[in-house]
Amino acid sequence: MQAEIYREIARALERGEPLALATVARTRGSTPRKTGAKMVVRADGSFFGTIGGGCGEAEVWQAAMDVLQDGKPRIVTVDLTEPTSGEDKICGGVMDVFVERIG
């Protein structure tokens, strides 16, 4: 998957299209993906790759859209220790995700 992420970044750069790269920088406890997992978010909101799915990925997607707007990198802490209402999918860990603009 990593090679495909880098190919997607190269294609966007060739087209002159900015994108946001989200990388899991640190994990604690049980998380859906481990350190180094990546997701690319395009300016139109579409994305490639995954950092784990669900509400946490949606939170990182929103941060990526903000990064595309203001160009300021940030770290998003995704806390998977609290249950979301009506769902029993609790991983029990925390991920720090670094989000940066490329291009």
C-alpha atoms as a PDB file:
ATOM      1  CA  MET A   1       0.000   0.000   0.000  1.00  0.00           C
ATOM      2  CA  GLN A   2       2.864   2.421   0.775  1.00  0.00           C
ATOM      3  CA  ALA A   3       4.155   2.280  -2.811  1.00  0.00           C
ATOM      4  CA  GLU A   4       0.677   3.097  -4.141  1.00  0.00           C
ATOM      5  CA  ILE A   5       0.428   6.079  -1.785  1.00  0.00           C
ATOM      6  CA  TYR A   6       3.711   7.459  -3.148  1.00  0.00           C
ATOM      7  CA  ARG A   7       2.564   6.879  -6.748  1.00  0.00           C
ATOM      8  CA  GLU A   8      -0.633   8.793  -5.972  1.00  0.00           C
ATOM      9  CA  ILE A   9       1.416  11.668  -4.523  1.00  0.00           C
ATOM     10  CA  ALA A  10       3.655  11.699  -7.628  1.00  0.00           C
ATOM     11  CA  ARG A  11       0.622  11.802  -9.941  1.00  0.00           C
ATOM     12  CA  ALA A  12      -0.880  14.729  -8.015  1.00  0.00           C
ATOM     13  CA  LEU A  13       2.418  16.625  -8.119  1.00  0.00           C
ATOM     14  CA  GLU A  14       2.697  16.032 -11.884  1.00  0.00           C
ATOM     15  CA  ARG A  15      -0.806  17.495 -12.315  1.00  0.00           C
ATOM     16  CA  GLY A  16       0.003  20.398  -9.998  1.00  0.00           C
ATOM     17  CA  GLU A  17      -2.757  19.397  -7.591  1.00  0.00           C
ATOM     18  CA  PRO A  18      -2.207  19.906  -3.872  1.00  0.00           C
ATOM     19  CA  LEU A  19      -3.098  17.166  -1.448  1.00  0.00           C
ATOM     20  CA  ALA A  20      -2.843  16.418   2.226  1.00  0.00           C
ATOM     21  CA  LEU A  21      -0.868  13.484   3.534  1.00  0.00           C
ATOM     22  CA  ALA A  22      -1.953  11.982   6.855  1.00  0.00           C
ATOM     23  CA  THR A  23       0.562   9.670   8.538  1.00  0.00           C
ATOM     24  CA  VAL A  24       0.048   7.762  11.776  1.00  0.00           C
ATOM     25  CA  ALA A  25       2.968   9.091  13.811  1.00  0.00           C
ATOM     26  CA  ARG A  26       2.405   7.270  17.099  1.00  0.00           C
ATOM     27  CA  THR A  27       0.014   4.739  18.586  1.00  0.00           C
ATOM     28  CA  ARG A  28      -0.758   3.712  22.134  1.00  0.00           C
ATOM     29  CA  GLY A  29      -2.879   0.692  22.944  1.00  0.00           C
ATOM     30  CA  SER A  30      -4.964  -1.163  20.388  1.00  0.00           C
ATOM     31  CA  THR A  31      -5.473   0.786  17.135  1.00  0.00           C
ATOM     32  CA  PRO A  32      -6.752  -0.242  13.697  1.00  0.00           C
ATOM     33  CA  ARG A  33      -3.511   0.785  11.969  1.00  0.00           C
ATOM     34  CA  LYS A  34       0.037   1.137  13.205  1.00  0.00           C
ATOM     35  CA  THR A  35       2.721   3.819  12.965  1.00  0.00           C
ATOM     36  CA  GLY A  36       3.506   4.698   9.351  1.00  0.00           C
ATOM     37  CA  ALA A  37       0.013   4.052   7.926  1.00  0.00           C
ATOM     38  CA  LYS A  38      -0.859   6.754   5.404  1.00  0.00           C
ATOM     39  CA  MET A  39      -3.861   8.357   3.736  1.00  0.00           C
ATOM     40  CA  VAL A  40      -3.885  10.970   0.972  1.00  0.00           C
ATOM     41  CA  VAL A  41      -6.757  13.484   0.826  1.00  0.00           C
ATOM     42  CA  ARG A  42      -7.393  15.454  -2.366  1.00  0.00           C
ATOM     43  CA  ALA A  43      -8.824  18.980  -2.543  1.00  0.00           C
ATOM     44  CA  ASP A  44     -12.138  17.595  -3.868  1.00  0.00           C
ATOM     45  CA  GLY A  45     -12.492  15.546  -0.663  1.00  0.00           C
ATOM     46  CA  SER A  46     -11.743  12.175  -2.214  1.00  0.00           C
ATOM     47  CA  PHE A  47      -9.034  10.111  -0.575  1.00  0.00           C
ATOM     48  CA  PHE A  48      -6.705   7.175  -1.122  1.00  0.00           C
ATOM     49  CA  GLY A  49      -5.388   4.816   1.531  1.00  0.00           C
ATOM     50  CA  THR A  50      -6.579   4.500   5.103  1.00  0.00           C
ATOM     51  CA  ILE A  51      -5.526   5.170   8.645  1.00  0.00           C
ATOM     52  CA  GLY A  52      -8.210   2.932  10.095  1.00  0.00           C
ATOM     53  CA  GLY A  53     -11.682   3.982   8.990  1.00  0.00           C
ATOM     54  CA  GLY A  54     -14.648   5.092  11.048  1.00  0.00           C
ATOM     55  CA  CYS A  55     -15.052   8.248  13.098  1.00  0.00           C
ATOM     56  CA  GLY A  56     -11.316   8.617  13.681  1.00  0.00           C
ATOM     57  CA  GLU A  57     -10.588   8.636   9.970  1.00  0.00           C
ATOM     58  CA  ALA A  58     -13.383  11.164   9.445  1.00  0.00           C
ATOM     59  CA  GLU A  59     -11.772  13.432  12.048  1.00  0.00           C
ATOM     60  CA  VAL A  60      -8.424  13.198  10.262  1.00  0.00           C
ATOM     61  CA  TRP A  61     -10.126  13.776   6.878  1.00  0.00           C
ATOM     62  CA  GLN A  62     -11.612  17.037   8.215  1.00  0.00           C
ATOM     63  CA  ALA A  63      -8.197  18.118   9.497  1.00  0.00           C
ATOM     64  CA  ALA A  64      -6.715  17.298   6.076  1.00  0.00           C
ATOM     65  CA  MET A  65      -9.302  19.512   4.383  1.00  0.00           C
ATOM     66  CA  ASP A  66      -8.340  22.312   6.820  1.00  0.00           C
ATOM     67  CA  VAL A  67      -4.641  21.769   6.034  1.00  0.00           C
ATOM     68  CA  LEU A  68      -5.400  22.052   2.328  1.00  0.00           C
ATOM     69  CA  GLN A  69      -7.062  25.409   3.011  1.00  0.00           C
ATOM     70  CA  ASP A  70      -4.546  27.017   5.367  1.00  0.00           C
ATOM     71  CA  GLY A  71      -1.358  25.058   4.569  1.00  0.00           C
ATOM     72  CA  LYS A  72      -0.543  24.611   8.269  1.00  0.00           C
ATOM     73  CA  PRO A  73       0.506  21.093   9.278  1.00  0.00           C
ATOM     74  CA  ARG A  74      -0.989  19.676  12.447  1.00  0.00           C
ATOM     75  CA  ILE A  75      -1.162  16.637  14.646  1.00  0.00           C
ATOM     76  CA  VAL A  76      -4.583  15.111  15.211  1.00  0.00           C
ATOM     77  CA  THR A  77      -5.008  12.898  18.259  1.00  0.00           C
ATOM     78  CA  VAL A  78      -7.601  10.208  17.600  1.00  0.00           C
ATOM     79  CA  ASP A  79      -8.878   8.747  20.862  1.00  0.00           C
ATOM     80  CA  LEU A  80     -10.414   5.323  20.303  1.00  0.00           C
ATOM     81  CA  THR A  81     -10.901   4.556  23.994  1.00  0.00           C
ATOM     82  CA  GLU A  82     -14.406   5.988  24.281  1.00  0.00           C
ATOM     83  CA  PRO A  83     -17.402   4.213  22.728  1.00  0.00           C
ATOM     84  CA  THR A  84     -19.361   6.129  20.124  1.00  0.00           C
ATOM     85  CA  SER A  85     -23.080   6.087  20.786  1.00  0.00           C
ATOM     86  CA  GLY A  86     -24.808   3.013  19.437  1.00  0.00           C
ATOM     87  CA  GLU A  87     -21.631   1.252  18.356  1.00  0.00           C
ATOM     88  CA  ASP A  88     -19.544  -1.398  20.052  1.00  0.00           C
ATOM     89  CA  LYS A  89     -16.428  -0.991  17.907  1.00  0.00           C
ATOM     90  CA  ILE A  90     -13.919   0.139  20.522  1.00  0.00           C
ATOM     91  CA  CYS A  91     -10.252  -0.353  19.701  1.00  0.00           C
ATOM     92  CA  GLY A  92      -9.085   0.963  23.038  1.00  0.00           C
ATOM     93  CA  GLY A  93      -6.082   2.962  21.843  1.00  0.00           C
ATOM     94  CA  VAL A  94      -4.954   6.399  20.782  1.00  0.00           C
ATOM     95  CA  MET A  95      -3.305   7.480  17.514  1.00  0.00           C
ATOM     96  CA  ASP A  96      -1.410  10.691  16.800  1.00  0.00           C
ATOM     97  CA  VAL A  97      -1.712  11.491  13.097  1.00  0.00           C
ATOM     98  CA  PHE A  98       0.528  14.070  11.393  1.00  0.00           C
ATOM     99  CA  VAL A  99      -1.270  15.879   8.571  1.00  0.00           C
ATOM    100  CA  GLU A 100       0.685  17.982   6.059  1.00  0.00           C
ATOM    101  CA  ARG A 101       0.029  19.677   2.736  1.00  0.00           C
ATOM    102  CA  ILE A 102       2.019  18.522  -0.288  1.00  0.00           C
ATOM    103  CA  GLY A 103       2.210  20.533  -3.497  1.00  0.00           C
END
